[in-house]
């Protein structure tokens, strides 16, 4: 290998390859953090949806009890 080629390759490596690698890792880590944040938000939304469904089930049960009382009242009369 030519003695001049080694410093040239070193300069190219230090000016291009290393920064690309470092910033590539930084971007990947940042993307993973945003993905985690998105999943946390999605989990929170699903928990709220579950609570909403539980409340609507309770409302339906209460409505069912109300109609059962009405039906029982009509049978007795």
N, C-alpha and C. Protein backbone atom coordinates (compact mmCIF):
# COMPACT_ATOMS: atom_id res chain seq x y z
N UNK A 1 0.85 -1.17 0.00
CA UNK A 1 0.00 0.00 0.00
C UNK A 1 0.89 1.23 0.00
N UNK A 2 0.47 2.21 -0.71
CA UNK A 2 1.22 3.46 -0.83
C UNK A 2 1.25 4.18 0.52
N UNK A 3 2.39 4.77 0.91
CA UNK A 3 2.45 5.45 2.21
C UNK A 3 1.51 6.65 2.31
N UNK A 4 1.14 7.24 1.20
CA UNK A 4 0.24 8.39 1.24
C UNK A 4 -1.22 7.92 1.39
N UNK A 5 -1.52 6.72 0.95
CA UNK A 5 -2.89 6.21 0.98
C UNK A 5 -3.38 6.01 2.41
N UNK A 6 -2.49 5.63 3.33
CA UNK A 6 -2.91 5.37 4.71
C UNK A 6 -3.44 6.64 5.37
N UNK A 7 -2.74 7.79 5.31
CA UNK A 7 -3.31 9.00 5.91
C UNK A 7 -4.59 9.47 5.21
N UNK A 8 -4.65 9.30 3.90
CA UNK A 8 -5.85 9.69 3.16
C UNK A 8 -7.04 8.85 3.62
N UNK A 9 -6.82 7.54 3.74
CA UNK A 9 -7.89 6.67 4.23
C UNK A 9 -8.28 7.02 5.66
N UNK A 10 -7.31 7.37 6.47
CA UNK A 10 -7.59 7.78 7.85
C UNK A 10 -8.42 9.04 7.91
N UNK A 11 -8.09 10.00 7.05
CA UNK A 11 -8.85 11.26 7.01
C UNK A 11 -10.28 10.99 6.52
N UNK A 12 -10.41 10.19 5.47
CA UNK A 12 -11.74 9.86 4.96
C UNK A 12 -12.55 9.13 6.04
N UNK A 13 -11.89 8.21 6.72
CA UNK A 13 -12.57 7.45 7.77
C UNK A 13 -13.02 8.37 8.90
N UNK A 14 -12.12 9.26 9.33
CA UNK A 14 -12.45 10.12 10.47
C UNK A 14 -13.45 11.21 10.09
N UNK A 15 -13.49 11.63 8.84
CA UNK A 15 -14.40 12.70 8.44
C UNK A 15 -15.75 12.20 7.92
N UNK A 16 -15.82 10.94 7.52
CA UNK A 16 -17.07 10.46 6.94
C UNK A 16 -17.64 9.24 7.67
N UNK A 17 -16.86 8.20 7.80
CA UNK A 17 -17.38 6.94 8.32
C UNK A 17 -17.74 7.04 9.79
N UNK A 18 -16.87 7.61 10.60
CA UNK A 18 -17.16 7.71 12.04
C UNK A 18 -18.37 8.59 12.33
N UNK A 19 -18.47 9.80 11.76
CA UNK A 19 -19.67 10.60 12.03
C UNK A 19 -20.97 9.94 11.55
N UNK A 20 -20.91 9.30 10.39
CA UNK A 20 -22.11 8.62 9.89
C UNK A 20 -22.51 7.51 10.85
N UNK A 21 -21.56 6.76 11.35
CA UNK A 21 -21.85 5.69 12.29
C UNK A 21 -22.43 6.24 13.59
N UNK A 22 -21.79 7.25 14.15
CA UNK A 22 -22.25 7.82 15.42
C UNK A 22 -23.64 8.42 15.27
N UNK A 23 -23.83 9.26 14.25
CA UNK A 23 -25.14 9.88 14.07
C UNK A 23 -26.20 8.86 13.67
N UNK A 24 -25.78 7.81 12.98
CA UNK A 24 -26.71 6.73 12.67
C UNK A 24 -27.23 6.08 13.94
N UNK A 25 -26.32 5.79 14.88
CA UNK A 25 -26.76 5.21 16.15
C UNK A 25 -27.64 6.18 16.93
N UNK A 26 -27.29 7.46 16.90
CA UNK A 26 -28.11 8.46 17.60
C UNK A 26 -29.51 8.51 17.01
N UNK A 27 -29.62 8.48 15.68
CA UNK A 27 -30.93 8.51 15.04
C UNK A 27 -31.73 7.25 15.33
N UNK A 28 -31.06 6.10 15.36
CA UNK A 28 -31.76 4.85 15.66
C UNK A 28 -32.29 4.87 17.09
N UNK A 29 -31.47 5.35 18.02
CA UNK A 29 -31.90 5.42 19.42
C UNK A 29 -33.07 6.40 19.56
N UNK A 30 -32.99 7.54 18.89
CA UNK A 30 -34.08 8.52 18.95
C UNK A 30 -35.37 7.94 18.37
N UNK A 31 -35.25 7.19 17.27
CA UNK A 31 -36.42 6.56 16.67
C UNK A 31 -37.02 5.53 17.61
N UNK A 32 -36.18 4.76 18.28
CA UNK A 32 -36.69 3.77 19.23
C UNK A 32 -37.40 4.45 20.39
N UNK A 33 -36.87 5.57 20.86
CA UNK A 33 -37.52 6.30 21.95
C UNK A 33 -38.89 6.81 21.52
N UNK A 34 -38.99 7.34 20.29
CA UNK A 34 -40.29 7.82 19.83
C UNK A 34 -41.25 6.65 19.62
N UNK A 35 -40.74 5.51 19.16
CA UNK A 35 -41.60 4.34 19.01
C UNK A 35 -42.13 3.89 20.37
N UNK A 36 -41.27 3.90 21.38
CA UNK A 36 -41.69 3.52 22.73
C UNK A 36 -42.75 4.50 23.23
N UNK A 37 -42.53 5.79 22.98
CA UNK A 37 -43.50 6.80 23.41
C UNK A 37 -44.84 6.59 22.71
N UNK A 38 -44.80 6.28 21.41
CA UNK A 38 -46.04 6.02 20.68
C UNK A 38 -46.77 4.81 21.25
N UNK A 39 -46.01 3.76 21.60
CA UNK A 39 -46.63 2.57 22.17
C UNK A 39 -47.22 2.86 23.54
N UNK A 40 -46.56 3.70 24.33
CA UNK A 40 -47.10 4.08 25.64
C UNK A 40 -48.42 4.84 25.48
N UNK A 41 -48.45 5.74 24.51
CA UNK A 41 -49.68 6.50 24.25
C UNK A 41 -50.79 5.56 23.78
N UNK A 42 -50.43 4.62 22.91
CA UNK A 42 -51.41 3.66 22.41
C UNK A 42 -51.94 2.80 23.56
N UNK A 43 -51.05 2.39 24.47
CA UNK A 43 -51.47 1.60 25.64
C UNK A 43 -52.44 2.41 26.50
N UNK A 44 -52.12 3.68 26.73
CA UNK A 44 -53.00 4.53 27.53
C UNK A 44 -54.37 4.69 26.86
N UNK A 45 -54.37 4.84 25.54
CA UNK A 45 -55.63 4.96 24.82
C UNK A 45 -56.45 3.68 24.95
N UNK A 46 -55.79 2.53 24.86
CA UNK A 46 -56.50 1.26 24.98
C UNK A 46 -57.04 1.07 26.40
N UNK A 47 -56.29 1.51 27.42
CA UNK A 47 -56.78 1.43 28.79
C UNK A 47 -58.02 2.30 28.97
N UNK A 48 -58.00 3.50 28.39
CA UNK A 48 -59.17 4.37 28.46
C UNK A 48 -60.36 3.76 27.72
N UNK A 49 -60.09 3.14 26.60
CA UNK A 49 -61.15 2.47 25.85
C UNK A 49 -61.75 1.32 26.67
N UNK A 50 -60.89 0.59 27.37
CA UNK A 50 -61.35 -0.50 28.23
C UNK A 50 -62.22 0.03 29.36
N UNK A 51 -61.80 1.12 29.98
CA UNK A 51 -62.61 1.73 31.04
C UNK A 51 -63.96 2.19 30.50
N UNK A 52 -63.94 2.75 29.31
CA UNK A 52 -65.19 3.20 28.67
C UNK A 52 -66.12 2.02 28.44
N UNK A 53 -65.56 0.90 27.96
CA UNK A 53 -66.37 -0.29 27.73
C UNK A 53 -66.92 -0.86 29.03
N UNK A 54 -66.12 -0.84 30.10
CA UNK A 54 -66.61 -1.32 31.40
C UNK A 54 -67.77 -0.46 31.89
N UNK A 55 -67.65 0.85 31.73
CA UNK A 55 -68.72 1.75 32.16
C UNK A 55 -69.98 1.52 31.33
N UNK A 56 -69.82 1.33 30.04
CA UNK A 56 -71.00 1.09 29.20
C UNK A 56 -71.65 -0.26 29.55
N UNK A 57 -70.83 -1.26 29.93
CA UNK A 57 -71.40 -2.54 30.37
C UNK A 57 -72.20 -2.35 31.66
N UNK A 58 -71.67 -1.56 32.59
CA UNK A 58 -72.41 -1.30 33.83
C UNK A 58 -73.73 -0.59 33.54
N UNK A 59 -73.70 0.37 32.62
CA UNK A 59 -74.93 1.06 32.25
C UNK A 59 -75.95 0.10 31.63
N UNK A 60 -75.47 -0.81 30.78
CA UNK A 60 -76.38 -1.78 30.18
C UNK A 60 -76.96 -2.72 31.23
N UNK A 61 -76.13 -3.12 32.22
CA UNK A 61 -76.63 -3.98 33.29
C UNK A 61 -77.71 -3.26 34.10
N UNK A 62 -77.48 -1.99 34.40
CA UNK A 62 -78.48 -1.22 35.15
C UNK A 62 -79.77 -1.07 34.34
N UNK A 63 -79.63 -0.82 33.05
CA UNK A 63 -80.80 -0.70 32.20
C UNK A 63 -81.55 -2.02 32.14
N UNK A 64 -80.81 -3.12 32.08
CA UNK A 64 -81.42 -4.45 32.06
C UNK A 64 -82.18 -4.70 33.36
N UNK A 65 -81.60 -4.32 34.49
CA UNK A 65 -82.29 -4.48 35.78
C UNK A 65 -83.57 -3.66 35.81
N UNK A 66 -83.50 -2.45 35.27
CA UNK A 66 -84.68 -1.57 35.24
C UNK A 66 -85.80 -2.23 34.44
N UNK A 67 -85.46 -2.77 33.27
CA UNK A 67 -86.48 -3.42 32.45
C UNK A 67 -86.98 -4.70 33.11
N UNK A 68 -86.10 -5.42 33.81
CA UNK A 68 -86.55 -6.61 34.54
C UNK A 68 -87.57 -6.24 35.61
N UNK A 69 -87.33 -5.13 36.33
CA UNK A 69 -88.28 -4.68 37.35
C UNK A 69 -89.61 -4.28 36.71
N UNK A 70 -89.53 -3.63 35.56
CA UNK A 70 -90.76 -3.24 34.86
C UNK A 70 -91.54 -4.48 34.44
N UNK A 71 -90.84 -5.48 33.91
CA UNK A 71 -91.50 -6.71 33.47
C UNK A 71 -92.10 -7.43 34.67
N UNK A 72 -91.36 -7.53 35.76
CA UNK A 72 -91.87 -8.18 36.97
C UNK A 72 -93.08 -7.43 37.50
N UNK A 73 -93.06 -6.11 37.44
CA UNK A 73 -94.19 -5.30 37.89
C UNK A 73 -95.42 -5.54 37.04
N UNK A 74 -95.24 -5.73 35.73
CA UNK A 74 -96.37 -5.99 34.84
C UNK A 74 -96.95 -7.38 35.07
N UNK A 75 -96.13 -8.34 35.45
CA UNK A 75 -96.61 -9.70 35.71
C UNK A 75 -97.47 -9.73 36.97
N UNK A 76 -97.05 -8.95 37.97
CA UNK A 76 -97.77 -8.95 39.24
C UNK A 76 -99.12 -8.25 39.12
N UNK A 77 -99.23 -7.29 38.22
CA UNK A 77 -100.47 -6.50 38.12
C UNK A 77 -101.55 -7.19 37.35
